[in-house]
Amino acid sequence: MATYLDKILLHHRTVAAEDTRSLDSLITTARSGPPRRGFRDAVLHCSGLGVISEIKRRSPSKGELNPGIDPSRWALAYAAGGATCLSVLTDTPHFGGSAEDLMAARAGVDLPVLRKDFTVSARDVADACVMGADAVLLIVAALDDHELTDFHQLALELGMDVLVETHDEAEVERAMAIGATMVGVNQRDLVTFEVDTERAIRVGRSLPADVVRVAESGVRSADDARTLHEAGYHAVLVGEALVRSGDPTGAVAAMRAM
């Protein structure tokens, strides 16, 4: 039976296969953009636990979260709460996001921004840079080793940082093989989309000490954030708990102050 990830990846790979734009032209455009803001450095040098605050409208497993969210206003609210970086969903059919959401969020604050999407082609990497992303997401489970290597190298050449997302120890080994220096551990099961709150702690033990560590998914409270910080994580990436919060500034501040 196809998983959520399988269905999403099928869509993105179909779109990528039909994309006839010149990769060389996209890369040239990407290289002409403004300097990146240094996503990894912001996480690494953050005092205490960093909070990567996410802007997303819906999810395949939870449905509508905050469909009318104003990316610019929420970016400012996150920044006021002490957010370290932003993460913006740009997938449209499954998460309701867009490149415009990322550009609007980035324009209103000085924080580095991650393009949160399902990167399956070199054009996706270049597009991330063109829309202003300071970092791009590569999901190990979605890519083969050749793709991981090539997309990781291209992103770095374009001046972006790369968050390499893993779900288990075998995927951590693959991330290390391409020289990843910032690794996310997603606590959400790829088959059921349920959150395993022990996954980040367990998988985190296999990460080398010099790797910047980000815990993803299922972080709902300051207590969750504290547990992950004590497990050695530099930052948590938080989406649903923040976009559903009536006080995003206070919610971010609580996690930063835990």
C-alpha atoms as a PDB file:
ATOM      1  CA  MET A   1       0.000   0.000   0.000  1.00  0.00           C
ATOM      2  CA  ALA A   2       1.333   3.426  -0.933  1.00  0.00           C
ATOM      3  CA  THR A   3       2.340   5.667   1.970  1.00  0.00           C
ATOM      4  CA  TYR A   4       1.720   9.401   2.284  1.00  0.00           C
ATOM      5  CA  LEU A   5       5.322   9.969   1.214  1.00  0.00           C
ATOM      6  CA  ASP A   6       4.982   7.680  -1.833  1.00  0.00           C
ATOM      7  CA  LYS A   7       1.967   9.622  -3.082  1.00  0.00           C
ATOM      8  CA  ILE A   8       3.610  12.994  -2.528  1.00  0.00           C
ATOM      9  CA  LEU A   9       6.834  11.917  -4.206  1.00  0.00           C
ATOM     10  CA  LEU A  10       4.969  10.494  -7.196  1.00  0.00           C
ATOM     11  CA  HIS A  11       3.397  13.907  -7.740  1.00  0.00           C
ATOM     12  CA  HIS A  12       6.689  15.764  -7.441  1.00  0.00           C
ATOM     13  CA  ARG A  13       8.600  13.356  -9.665  1.00  0.00           C
ATOM     14  CA  THR A  14       5.876  13.595 -12.301  1.00  0.00           C
ATOM     15  CA  VAL A  15       6.110  17.380 -12.251  1.00  0.00           C
ATOM     16  CA  ALA A  16       9.917  17.219 -12.388  1.00  0.00           C
ATOM     17  CA  ALA A  17       9.834  14.868 -15.381  1.00  0.00           C
ATOM     18  CA  GLU A  18       7.671  17.355 -17.281  1.00  0.00           C
ATOM     19  CA  ASP A  19       9.879  20.347 -16.426  1.00  0.00           C
ATOM     20  CA  THR A  20      11.773  21.380 -19.564  1.00  0.00           C
ATOM     21  CA  ARG A  21      13.338  24.583 -18.249  1.00  0.00           C
ATOM     22  CA  SER A  22      17.069  25.010 -18.792  1.00  0.00           C
ATOM     23  CA  LEU A  23      18.916  23.949 -15.645  1.00  0.00           C
ATOM     24  CA  ASP A  24      21.923  26.055 -16.644  1.00  0.00           C
ATOM     25  CA  SER A  25      19.737  29.159 -16.909  1.00  0.00           C
ATOM     26  CA  LEU A  26      18.150  28.461 -13.525  1.00  0.00           C
ATOM     27  CA  ILE A  27      21.554  28.061 -11.919  1.00  0.00           C
ATOM     28  CA  THR A  28      22.771  31.281 -13.493  1.00  0.00           C
ATOM     29  CA  THR A  29      19.737  33.110 -12.110  1.00  0.00           C
ATOM     30  CA  ALA A  30      20.255  31.529  -8.702  1.00  0.00           C
ATOM     31  CA  ARG A  31      23.889  32.622  -8.577  1.00  0.00           C
ATOM     32  CA  SER A  32      22.897  36.240  -9.210  1.00  0.00           C
ATOM     33  CA  GLY A  33      20.712  36.462  -6.115  1.00  0.00           C
ATOM     34  CA  PRO A  34      21.535  38.154  -2.800  1.00  0.00           C
ATOM     35  CA  PRO A  35      23.865  36.511  -0.257  1.00  0.00           C
ATOM     36  CA  ARG A  36      22.349  33.772   1.862  1.00  0.00           C
ATOM     37  CA  ARG A  37      21.740  34.436   5.549  1.00  0.00           C
ATOM     38  CA  GLY A  38      23.517  31.431   7.040  1.00  0.00           C
ATOM     39  CA  PHE A  39      20.913  28.971   8.287  1.00  0.00           C
ATOM     40  CA  ARG A  40      23.317  26.421   9.781  1.00  0.00           C
ATOM     41  CA  ASP A  41      25.382  29.092  11.529  1.00  0.00           C
ATOM     42  CA  ALA A  42      22.245  30.573  13.077  1.00  0.00           C
ATOM     43  CA  VAL A  43      21.304  27.198  14.534  1.00  0.00           C
ATOM     44  CA  LEU A  44      24.830  26.320  15.626  1.00  0.00           C
ATOM     45  CA  HIS A  45      25.498  29.616  17.388  1.00  0.00           C
ATOM     46  CA  CYS A  46      22.069  30.076  18.928  1.00  0.00           C
ATOM     47  CA  SER A  47      22.113  30.545  22.682  1.00  0.00           C
ATOM     48  CA  GLY A  48      20.288  27.583  24.182  1.00  0.00           C
ATOM     49  CA  LEU A  49      17.900  25.540  22.075  1.00  0.00           C
ATOM     50  CA  GLY A  50      17.070  27.006  18.685  1.00  0.00           C
ATOM     51  CA  VAL A  51      13.510  27.041  17.404  1.00  0.00           C
ATOM     52  CA  ILE A  52      12.939  26.763  13.665  1.00  0.00           C
ATOM     53  CA  SER A  53       9.414  28.105  13.368  1.00  0.00           C
ATOM     54  CA  GLU A  54       7.335  26.809  10.506  1.00  0.00           C
ATOM     55  CA  ILE A  55       4.695  28.358   8.317  1.00  0.00           C
ATOM     56  CA  LYS A  56       2.280  25.848   6.831  1.00  0.00           C
ATOM     57  CA  ARG A  57      -1.404  25.850   5.999  1.00  0.00           C
ATOM     58  CA  ARG A  58      -2.314  22.167   6.108  1.00  0.00           C
ATOM     59  CA  SER A  59      -0.877  18.648   6.146  1.00  0.00           C
ATOM     60  CA  PRO A  60      -1.914  15.325   4.562  1.00  0.00           C
ATOM     61  CA  SER A  61      -2.420  13.684   7.956  1.00  0.00           C
ATOM     62  CA  LYS A  62      -4.094  16.537   9.877  1.00  0.00           C
ATOM     63  CA  GLY A  63      -5.912  18.434   7.136  1.00  0.00           C
ATOM     64  CA  GLU A  64      -6.376  22.192   7.486  1.00  0.00           C
ATOM     65  CA  LEU A  65      -4.146  23.747  10.145  1.00  0.00           C
ATOM     66  CA  ASN A  66      -4.263  27.468   9.413  1.00  0.00           C
ATOM     67  CA  PRO A  67      -5.373  27.931   5.796  1.00  0.00           C
ATOM     68  CA  GLY A  68      -5.567  31.719   6.004  1.00  0.00           C
ATOM     69  CA  ILE A  69      -2.162  32.234   7.596  1.00  0.00           C
ATOM     70  CA  ASP A  70      -0.404  35.471   6.652  1.00  0.00           C
ATOM     71  CA  PRO A  71       3.254  34.456   6.168  1.00  0.00           C
ATOM     72  CA  SER A  72       4.633  37.948   6.701  1.00  0.00           C
ATOM     73  CA  ARG A  73       2.680  38.569   9.893  1.00  0.00           C
ATOM     74  CA  TRP A  74       3.491  35.164  11.337  1.00  0.00           C
ATOM     75  CA  ALA A  75       7.181  35.539  10.473  1.00  0.00           C
ATOM     76  CA  LEU A  76       7.219  38.774  12.457  1.00  0.00           C
ATOM     77  CA  ALA A  77       5.399  37.098  15.354  1.00  0.00           C
ATOM     78  CA  TYR A  78       7.895  34.238  15.354  1.00  0.00           C
ATOM     79  CA  ALA A  79      10.828  36.647  15.271  1.00  0.00           C
ATOM     80  CA  ALA A  80       9.371  38.584  18.203  1.00  0.00           C
ATOM     81  CA  GLY A  81       9.309  35.346  20.188  1.00  0.00           C
ATOM     82  CA  GLY A  82      12.980  34.691  19.522  1.00  0.00           C
ATOM     83  CA  ALA A  83      12.764  32.242  16.611  1.00  0.00           C
ATOM     84  CA  THR A  84      16.168  31.177  15.332  1.00  0.00           C
ATOM     85  CA  CYS A  85      15.103  30.492  11.744  1.00  0.00           C
ATOM     86  CA  LEU A  86      11.975  30.002   9.661  1.00  0.00           C
ATOM     87  CA  SER A  87      10.747  26.979   7.739  1.00  0.00           C
ATOM     88  CA  VAL A  88       8.182  27.591   5.005  1.00  0.00           C
ATOM     89  CA  LEU A  89       6.208  24.903   3.183  1.00  0.00           C
ATOM     90  CA  THR A  90       6.139  25.555  -0.547  1.00  0.00           C
ATOM     91  CA  ASP A  91       4.344  22.365  -1.628  1.00  0.00           C
ATOM     92  CA  THR A  92       0.936  23.421  -2.959  1.00  0.00           C
ATOM     93  CA  PRO A  93      -1.252  20.330  -3.492  1.00  0.00           C
ATOM     94  CA  HIS A  94      -0.484  18.604  -0.189  1.00  0.00           C
ATOM     95  CA  PHE A  95       0.393  21.441   2.193  1.00  0.00           C
ATOM     96  CA  GLY A  96      -1.174  24.514   0.608  1.00  0.00           C
ATOM     97  CA  GLY A  97       2.134  26.366   0.432  1.00  0.00           C
ATOM     98  CA  SER A  98       3.849  28.320  -2.306  1.00  0.00           C
ATOM     99  CA  ALA A  99       7.011  30.139  -3.295  1.00  0.00           C
ATOM    100  CA  GLU A 100       5.103  33.339  -2.580  1.00  0.00           C
ATOM    101  CA  ASP A 101       4.665  32.238   1.047  1.00  0.00           C
ATOM    102  CA  LEU A 102       8.421  31.843   1.412  1.00  0.00           C
ATOM    103  CA  MET A 103       9.204  35.167  -0.236  1.00  0.00           C
ATOM    104  CA  ALA A 104       6.646  37.015   1.886  1.00  0.00           C
ATOM    105  CA  ALA A 105       7.944  35.471   5.111  1.00  0.00           C
ATOM    106  CA  ARG A 106      11.575  36.194   4.297  1.00  0.00           C
ATOM    107  CA  ALA A 107      10.905  39.783   3.228  1.00  0.00           C
ATOM    108  CA  GLY A 108       9.568  40.815   6.606  1.00  0.00           C
ATOM    109  CA  VAL A 109      12.354  39.525   8.881  1.00  0.00           C
ATOM    110  CA  ASP A 110      16.105  39.014   8.976  1.00  0.00           C
ATOM    111  CA  LEU A 111      15.908  35.332   9.883  1.00  0.00           C
ATOM    112  CA  PRO A 112      17.324  32.597   7.630  1.00  0.00           C
ATOM    113  CA  VAL A 113      14.636  30.574   5.861  1.00  0.00           C
ATOM    114  CA  LEU A 114      14.427  26.889   4.964  1.00  0.00           C
ATOM    115  CA  ARG A 115      12.448  25.868   1.912  1.00  0.00           C
ATOM    116  CA  LYS A 116      10.427  22.924   3.245  1.00  0.00           C
ATOM    117  CA  ASP A 117       9.463  20.835   0.260  1.00  0.00           C
ATOM    118  CA  PHE A 118      10.094  17.525  -1.470  1.00  0.00           C
ATOM    119  CA  THR A 119      13.266  18.110  -3.447  1.00  0.00           C
ATOM    120  CA  VAL A 120      13.526  15.561  -6.250  1.00  0.00           C
ATOM    121  CA  SER A 121      15.516  17.348  -8.959  1.00  0.00           C
ATOM    122  CA  ALA A 122      18.378  19.763  -9.484  1.00  0.00           C
ATOM    123  CA  ARG A 123      15.808  22.300 -10.731  1.00  0.00           C
ATOM    124  CA  ASP A 124      14.100  22.100  -7.330  1.00  0.00           C
ATOM    125  CA  VAL A 125      17.401  23.042  -5.685  1.00  0.00           C
ATOM    126  CA  ALA A 126      17.935  25.981  -8.033  1.00  0.00           C
ATOM    127  CA  ASP A 127      14.324  27.091  -7.584  1.00  0.00           C
ATOM    128  CA  ALA A 128      14.829  27.182  -3.817  1.00  0.00           C
ATOM    129  CA  CYS A 129      17.723  29.562  -4.265  1.00  0.00           C
ATOM    130  CA  VAL A 130      15.844  31.729  -6.771  1.00  0.00           C
ATOM    131  CA  MET A 131      12.889  32.179  -4.404  1.00  0.00           C
ATOM    132  CA  GLY A 132      15.265  33.291  -1.665  1.00  0.00           C
ATOM    133  CA  ALA A 133      15.723  30.214   0.498  1.00  0.00           C
ATOM    134  CA  ASP A 134      18.800  30.127   2.703  1.00  0.00           C
ATOM    135  CA  ALA A 135      18.580  26.364   3.134  1.00  0.00           C
ATOM    136  CA  VAL A 136      17.015  23.455   1.316  1.00  0.00           C
ATOM    137  CA  LEU A 137      15.622  20.165   2.635  1.00  0.00           C
ATOM    138  CA  LEU A 138      16.834  16.810   1.316  1.00  0.00           C
ATOM    139  CA  ILE A 139      14.880  13.796   2.576  1.00  0.00           C
ATOM    140  CA  VAL A 140      17.094  10.711   2.582  1.00  0.00           C
ATOM    141  CA  ALA A 141      14.116   8.352   2.230  1.00  0.00           C
ATOM    142  CA  ALA A 142      13.020  10.156  -0.930  1.00  0.00           C
ATOM    143  CA  LEU A 143      16.317  10.095  -2.824  1.00  0.00           C
ATOM    144  CA  ASP A 144      18.924   7.637  -4.003  1.00  0.00           C
ATOM    145  CA  ASP A 145      22.594   8.112  -3.126  1.00  0.00           C
ATOM    146  CA  HIS A 146      23.421   9.723  -6.475  1.00  0.00           C
ATOM    147  CA  GLU A 147      20.620  12.278  -6.071  1.00  0.00           C
ATOM    148  CA  LEU A 148      21.578  13.009  -2.468  1.00  0.00           C
ATOM    149  CA  THR A 149      25.166  13.663  -3.466  1.00  0.00           C
ATOM    150  CA  ASP A 150      24.367  15.826  -6.481  1.00  0.00           C
ATOM    151  CA  PHE A 151      21.637  17.923  -4.859  1.00  0.00           C
ATOM    152  CA  HIS A 152      23.688  18.427  -1.697  1.00  0.00           C
ATOM    153  CA  GLN A 153      26.691  19.602  -3.724  1.00  0.00           C
ATOM    154  CA  LEU A 154      24.606  21.919  -5.927  1.00  0.00           C
ATOM    155  CA  ALA A 155      22.924  23.549  -2.936  1.00  0.00           C
ATOM    156  CA  LEU A 156      26.289  24.245  -1.311  1.00  0.00           C
ATOM    157  CA  GLU A 157      27.674  25.620  -4.572  1.00  0.00           C
ATOM    158  CA  LEU A 158      24.719  28.031  -4.697  1.00  0.00           C
ATOM    159  CA  GLY A 159      25.500  29.235  -1.176  1.00  0.00           C
ATOM    160  CA  MET A 160      22.644  27.508   0.604  1.00  0.00           C
ATOM    161  CA  ASP A 161      22.825  25.249   3.625  1.00  0.00           C
ATOM    162  CA  VAL A 162      21.271  21.795   3.548  1.00  0.00           C
ATOM    163  CA  LEU A 163      19.107  20.121   6.164  1.00  0.00           C
ATOM    164  CA  VAL A 164      19.377  16.394   5.464  1.00  0.00           C
ATOM    165  CA  GLU A 165      16.344  14.647   6.940  1.00  0.00           C
ATOM    166  CA  THR A 166      16.628  11.132   8.358  1.00  0.00           C
ATOM    167  CA  HIS A 167      14.293   8.716  10.121  1.00  0.00           C
ATOM    168  CA  ASP A 168      16.578   5.925  11.324  1.00  0.00           C
ATOM    169  CA  GLU A 169      20.197   4.923  11.818  1.00  0.00           C
ATOM    170  CA  ALA A 170      20.611   3.542   8.294  1.00  0.00           C
ATOM    171  CA  GLU A 171      19.556   6.884   6.853  1.00  0.00           C
ATOM    172  CA  VAL A 172      22.011   8.670   9.155  1.00  0.00           C
ATOM    173  CA  GLU A 173      24.780   6.543   7.630  1.00  0.00           C
ATOM    174  CA  ARG A 174      23.700   7.642   4.152  1.00  0.00           C
ATOM    175  CA  ALA A 175      23.648  11.281   5.268  1.00  0.00           C
ATOM    176  CA  MET A 176      27.172  10.981   6.656  1.00  0.00           C
ATOM    177  CA  ALA A 177      28.353   9.398   3.414  1.00  0.00           C
ATOM    178  CA  ILE A 178      27.526  12.588   1.463  1.00  0.00           C
ATOM    179  CA  GLY A 179      29.205  14.838   4.024  1.00  0.00           C
ATOM    180  CA  ALA A 180      26.062  16.256   5.626  1.00  0.00           C
ATOM    181  CA  THR A 181      26.853  18.777   8.359  1.00  0.00           C
ATOM    182  CA  MET A 182      23.259  19.508   9.433  1.00  0.00           C
ATOM    183  CA  VAL A 183      20.953  16.558  10.003  1.00  0.00           C
ATOM    184  CA  GLY A 184      17.306  16.473  10.921  1.00  0.00           C
ATOM    185  CA  VAL A 185      15.691  13.502  12.628  1.00  0.00           C
ATOM    186  CA  ASN A 186      12.001  13.339  11.827  1.00  0.00           C
ATOM    187  CA  GLN A 187       9.953  11.712  14.585  1.00  0.00           C
ATOM    188  CA  ARG A 188       7.067  11.016  12.210  1.00  0.00           C
ATOM    189  CA  ASP A 189       6.717   7.468  10.887  1.00  0.00           C
ATOM    190  CA  LEU A 190       6.830   7.470   7.089  1.00  0.00           C
ATOM    191  CA  VAL A 191       4.242   4.724   6.734  1.00  0.00           C
ATOM    192  CA  THR A 192       1.592   5.801   9.231  1.00  0.00           C
ATOM    193  CA  PHE A 193       2.558   9.488   9.675  1.00  0.00           C
ATOM    194  CA  GLU A 194       2.185   8.916  13.422  1.00  0.00           C
ATOM    195  CA  VAL A 195       4.745  10.531  15.740  1.00  0.00           C
ATOM    196  CA  ASP A 196       7.217   8.342  17.627  1.00  0.00           C
ATOM    197  CA  THR A 197       8.447  10.587  20.434  1.00  0.00           C
ATOM    198  CA  GLU A 198      11.425   8.350  21.183  1.00  0.00           C
ATOM    199  CA  ARG A 199      12.742   8.265  17.624  1.00  0.00           C
ATOM    200  CA  ALA A 200      14.791  11.468  17.781  1.00  0.00           C
ATOM    201  CA  ILE A 201      16.433  10.417  21.040  1.00  0.00           C
ATOM    202  CA  ARG A 202      17.278   6.956  19.726  1.00  0.00           C
ATOM    203  CA  VAL A 203      18.500   7.997  16.282  1.00  0.00           C
ATOM    204  CA  GLY A 204      20.328  11.034  17.670  1.00  0.00           C
ATOM    205  CA  ARG A 205      22.779   8.734  19.418  1.00  0.00           C
ATOM    206  CA  SER A 206      24.162   7.710  16.023  1.00  0.00           C
ATOM    207  CA  LEU A 207      24.978  11.282  14.951  1.00  0.00           C
ATOM    208  CA  PRO A 208      28.615  12.418  15.141  1.00  0.00           C
ATOM    209  CA  ALA A 209      29.364  15.147  17.672  1.00  0.00           C
ATOM    210  CA  ASP A 210      30.290  17.739  15.015  1.00  0.00           C
ATOM    211  CA  VAL A 211      26.957  17.527  13.178  1.00  0.00           C
ATOM    212  CA  VAL A 212      24.307  20.205  13.776  1.00  0.00           C
ATOM    213  CA  ARG A 213      21.213  18.343  14.993  1.00  0.00           C
ATOM    214  CA  VAL A 214      17.588  19.294  14.380  1.00  0.00           C
ATOM    215  CA  ALA A 215      14.607  17.377  15.779  1.00  0.00           C
ATOM    216  CA  GLU A 216      11.542  17.500  13.540  1.00  0.00           C
ATOM    217  CA  SER A 217       7.818  16.780  13.983  1.00  0.00           C
ATOM    218  CA  GLY A 218       5.769  16.182  17.092  1.00  0.00           C
ATOM    219  CA  VAL A 219       7.281  18.960  19.201  1.00  0.00           C
ATOM    220  CA  ARG A 220       4.242  20.353  20.974  1.00  0.00           C
ATOM    221  CA  SER A 221       5.459  22.004  24.165  1.00  0.00           C
ATOM    222  CA  ALA A 222       8.370  23.420  26.112  1.00  0.00           C
ATOM    223  CA  ASP A 223       8.654  20.046  27.854  1.00  0.00           C
ATOM    224  CA  ASP A 224       9.109  18.308  24.496  1.00  0.00           C
ATOM    225  CA  ALA A 225      11.720  20.890  23.543  1.00  0.00           C
ATOM    226  CA  ARG A 226      13.561  20.411  26.836  1.00  0.00           C
ATOM    227  CA  THR A 227      13.717  16.652  26.363  1.00  0.00           C
ATOM    228  CA  LEU A 228      15.207  17.037  22.904  1.00  0.00           C
ATOM    229  CA  HIS A 229      17.703  19.666  24.048  1.00  0.00           C
ATOM    230  CA  GLU A 230      18.860  17.332  26.791  1.00  0.00           C
ATOM    231  CA  ALA A 231      19.257  14.624  24.134  1.00  0.00           C
ATOM    232  CA  GLY A 232      21.800  16.809  22.346  1.00  0.00           C
ATOM    233  CA  TYR A 233      19.745  18.637  19.731  1.00  0.00           C
ATOM    234  CA  HIS A 234      20.735  22.155  18.685  1.00  0.00           C
ATOM    235  CA  ALA A 235      17.232  23.038  17.490  1.00  0.00           C
ATOM    236  CA  VAL A 236      13.678  21.842  17.085  1.00  0.00           C
ATOM    237  CA  LEU A 237      11.584  22.428  13.986  1.00  0.00           C
ATOM    238  CA  VAL A 238       8.022  23.188  15.058  1.00  0.00           C
ATOM    239  CA  GLY A 239       5.042  23.567  12.770  1.00  0.00           C
ATOM    240  CA  GLU A 240       1.580  22.442  13.849  1.00  0.00           C
ATOM    241  CA  ALA A 241       1.873  23.585  17.472  1.00  0.00           C
ATOM    242  CA  LEU A 242       2.800  27.092  16.328  1.00  0.00           C
ATOM    243  CA  VAL A 243       0.440  27.622  13.398  1.00  0.00           C
ATOM    244  CA  ARG A 244      -2.469  26.468  15.561  1.00  0.00           C
ATOM    245  CA  SER A 245      -1.402  28.628  18.474  1.00  0.00           C
ATOM    246  CA  GLY A 246      -3.375  31.729  19.317  1.00  0.00           C
ATOM    247  CA  ASP A 247      -0.116  33.289  20.485  1.00  0.00           C
ATOM    248  CA  PRO A 248       2.750  32.292  18.166  1.00  0.00           C
ATOM    249  CA  THR A 249       5.122  34.789  19.768  1.00  0.00           C
ATOM    250  CA  GLY A 250       4.490  33.392  23.230  1.00  0.00           C
ATOM    251  CA  ALA A 251       4.654  29.796  22.013  1.00  0.00           C
ATOM    252  CA  VAL A 252       8.079  30.317  20.462  1.00  0.00           C
ATOM    253  CA  ALA A 253       9.327  32.231  23.512  1.00  0.00           C
ATOM    254  CA  ALA A 254       8.232  29.394  25.819  1.00  0.00           C
ATOM    255  CA  MET A 255      10.255  26.849  23.828  1.00  0.00           C
ATOM    256  CA  ARG A 256      13.278  29.160  23.683  1.00  0.00           C
ATOM    257  CA  ALA A 257      13.130  29.728  27.429  1.00  0.00           C
ATOM    258  CA  MET A 258      12.583  26.138  28.488  1.00  0.00           C
END
